[in-house]
Amino acid sequence: MSPSPSSSVSVRSATEVNAEIRDLWQRSGGYLSPQDEADYQRLLVEWAAATGGNDRSAA
């Protein structure tokens, strides 16, 4: 049997996660502390899950 869903599974929309990413960058003044970097990485994973992993920059 598969394990139960983890708390890292996105339940928020990409728009909500994107807003949090923008807020993080604004609060940090463009410099991420080690804790901020960890939060940023977590948010990127959540955002990718919320968008279905679409990469608009791919040619």
N, C-alpha and C. Protein backbone atom coordinates (compact mmCIF):
# COMPACT_ATOMS: atom_id res chain seq x y z
N MET A 1 0.84 -1.18 0.00
CA MET A 1 0.00 0.00 0.00
C MET A 1 0.88 1.24 0.00
N SER A 2 0.49 2.25 -0.76
CA SER A 2 1.30 3.47 -0.84
C SER A 2 1.13 4.30 0.43
N PRO A 3 2.18 5.06 0.76
CA PRO A 3 2.09 5.91 1.96
C PRO A 3 1.05 7.02 1.76
N SER A 4 0.59 7.56 2.86
CA SER A 4 -0.39 8.65 2.79
C SER A 4 0.29 9.88 2.20
N PRO A 5 -0.48 10.76 1.58
CA PRO A 5 0.09 11.97 0.99
C PRO A 5 0.83 12.80 2.03
N SER A 6 1.97 13.33 1.62
CA SER A 6 2.77 14.15 2.54
C SER A 6 2.25 15.57 2.56
N SER A 7 2.72 16.34 3.52
CA SER A 7 2.28 17.73 3.64
C SER A 7 2.88 18.59 2.54
N SER A 8 3.86 18.06 1.76
CA SER A 8 4.46 18.85 0.70
C SER A 8 3.62 18.85 -0.57
N VAL A 9 2.54 18.06 -0.61
CA VAL A 9 1.67 18.02 -1.77
C VAL A 9 0.91 19.35 -1.84
N SER A 10 0.94 19.96 -3.03
CA SER A 10 0.33 21.27 -3.19
C SER A 10 -1.19 21.20 -3.10
N VAL A 11 -1.76 22.05 -2.28
CA VAL A 11 -3.20 22.18 -2.21
C VAL A 11 -3.57 23.62 -2.55
N ARG A 12 -2.56 24.45 -2.75
CA ARG A 12 -2.79 25.85 -3.10
C ARG A 12 -2.64 26.02 -4.61
N SER A 13 -3.22 27.07 -5.13
CA SER A 13 -3.09 27.35 -6.56
C SER A 13 -1.70 27.92 -6.84
N ALA A 14 -1.31 27.84 -8.10
CA ALA A 14 -0.03 28.41 -8.52
C ALA A 14 0.01 29.91 -8.23
N THR A 15 -1.13 30.57 -8.36
CA THR A 15 -1.20 32.01 -8.09
C THR A 15 -0.89 32.31 -6.63
N GLU A 16 -1.42 31.49 -5.73
CA GLU A 16 -1.16 31.69 -4.30
C GLU A 16 0.31 31.46 -3.98
N VAL A 17 0.88 30.41 -4.53
CA VAL A 17 2.28 30.10 -4.27
C VAL A 17 3.17 31.19 -4.87
N ASN A 18 2.82 31.64 -6.07
CA ASN A 18 3.59 32.70 -6.71
C ASN A 18 3.58 33.97 -5.87
N ALA A 19 2.45 34.29 -5.28
CA ALA A 19 2.35 35.47 -4.42
C ALA A 19 3.28 35.33 -3.22
N GLU A 20 3.37 34.13 -2.67
CA GLU A 20 4.27 33.91 -1.53
C GLU A 20 5.73 34.03 -1.96
N ILE A 21 6.05 33.53 -3.15
CA ILE A 21 7.41 33.66 -3.67
C ILE A 21 7.77 35.13 -3.84
N ARG A 22 6.87 35.89 -4.43
CA ARG A 22 7.12 37.33 -4.62
C ARG A 22 7.30 38.04 -3.29
N ASP A 23 6.47 37.68 -2.32
CA ASP A 23 6.58 38.28 -0.99
C ASP A 23 7.92 37.95 -0.34
N LEU A 24 8.36 36.72 -0.49
CA LEU A 24 9.65 36.31 0.06
C LEU A 24 10.78 37.15 -0.53
N TRP A 25 10.78 37.31 -1.84
CA TRP A 25 11.83 38.11 -2.49
C TRP A 25 11.75 39.56 -2.06
N GLN A 26 10.56 40.09 -1.94
CA GLN A 26 10.41 41.49 -1.53
C GLN A 26 10.90 41.70 -0.09
N ARG A 27 10.51 40.80 0.80
CA ARG A 27 10.94 40.90 2.21
C ARG A 27 12.44 40.77 2.35
N SER A 28 13.05 39.94 1.48
CA SER A 28 14.48 39.67 1.61
C SER A 28 15.35 40.77 1.00
N GLY A 29 14.74 41.66 0.24
CA GLY A 29 15.51 42.71 -0.42
C GLY A 29 16.41 42.15 -1.52
N GLY A 30 16.08 40.98 -2.03
CA GLY A 30 16.86 40.38 -3.11
C GLY A 30 17.99 39.49 -2.65
N TYR A 31 18.15 39.35 -1.34
CA TYR A 31 19.18 38.46 -0.80
C TYR A 31 18.51 37.44 0.10
N LEU A 32 18.66 36.17 -0.24
CA LEU A 32 18.03 35.11 0.55
C LEU A 32 19.00 34.55 1.58
N SER A 33 18.57 34.55 2.84
CA SER A 33 19.33 33.89 3.89
C SER A 33 19.24 32.38 3.66
N PRO A 34 20.04 31.60 4.36
CA PRO A 34 19.91 30.14 4.21
C PRO A 34 18.49 29.64 4.48
N GLN A 35 17.81 30.19 5.47
CA GLN A 35 16.44 29.78 5.75
C GLN A 35 15.51 30.20 4.62
N ASP A 36 15.70 31.45 4.13
CA ASP A 36 14.89 31.93 3.02
C ASP A 36 15.11 31.06 1.78
N GLU A 37 16.35 30.66 1.55
CA GLU A 37 16.67 29.81 0.40
C GLU A 37 15.94 28.48 0.50
N ALA A 38 15.91 27.91 1.70
CA ALA A 38 15.20 26.65 1.90
C ALA A 38 13.70 26.84 1.64
N ASP A 39 13.14 27.95 2.12
CA ASP A 39 11.73 28.24 1.88
C ASP A 39 11.47 28.43 0.39
N TYR A 40 12.38 29.13 -0.29
CA TYR A 40 12.25 29.37 -1.72
C TYR A 40 12.25 28.06 -2.50
N GLN A 41 13.16 27.18 -2.16
CA GLN A 41 13.22 25.88 -2.85
C GLN A 41 11.93 25.08 -2.64
N ARG A 42 11.41 25.11 -1.41
CA ARG A 42 10.15 24.42 -1.11
C ARG A 42 9.01 25.02 -1.92
N LEU A 43 8.98 26.35 -2.01
CA LEU A 43 7.94 27.02 -2.78
C LEU A 43 8.04 26.72 -4.27
N LEU A 44 9.25 26.62 -4.79
CA LEU A 44 9.41 26.29 -6.21
C LEU A 44 8.85 24.91 -6.52
N VAL A 45 9.10 23.95 -5.63
CA VAL A 45 8.57 22.60 -5.82
C VAL A 45 7.03 22.64 -5.77
N GLU A 46 6.51 23.39 -4.80
CA GLU A 46 5.05 23.50 -4.68
C GLU A 46 4.46 24.18 -5.91
N TRP A 47 5.11 25.24 -6.39
CA TRP A 47 4.63 25.95 -7.58
C TRP A 47 4.64 25.04 -8.81
N ALA A 48 5.73 24.29 -8.97
CA ALA A 48 5.82 23.36 -10.11
C ALA A 48 4.71 22.32 -10.06
N ALA A 49 4.42 21.82 -8.87
CA ALA A 49 3.34 20.84 -8.72
C ALA A 49 1.99 21.48 -9.06
N ALA A 50 1.80 22.72 -8.64
CA ALA A 50 0.53 23.40 -8.88
C ALA A 50 0.33 23.73 -10.36
N THR A 51 1.42 23.91 -11.09
CA THR A 51 1.32 24.23 -12.51
C THR A 51 1.42 22.99 -13.39
N GLY A 52 1.58 21.85 -12.78
CA GLY A 52 1.73 20.63 -13.55
C GLY A 52 3.12 20.48 -14.13
N GLY A 53 4.07 21.25 -13.61
CA GLY A 53 5.45 21.16 -14.07
C GLY A 53 5.69 21.80 -15.41
N ASN A 54 4.76 22.62 -15.89
CA ASN A 54 4.95 23.28 -17.19
C ASN A 54 6.11 24.25 -17.14
N ASP A 55 6.94 24.21 -18.16
CA ASP A 55 8.07 25.12 -18.27
C ASP A 55 7.90 25.94 -19.53
N ARG A 56 7.48 27.19 -19.37
CA ARG A 56 7.21 28.04 -20.53
C ARG A 56 8.49 28.48 -21.23
N SER A 57 9.65 28.32 -20.61
CA SER A 57 10.90 28.77 -21.22
C SER A 57 11.48 27.73 -22.16
N ALA A 58 10.95 26.52 -22.18
CA ALA A 58 11.47 25.46 -23.05
C ALA A 58 11.15 25.79 -24.51
N ALA A 59 12.13 25.54 -25.36
CA ALA A 59 11.93 25.84 -26.79
C ALA A 59 11.32 24.66 -27.50
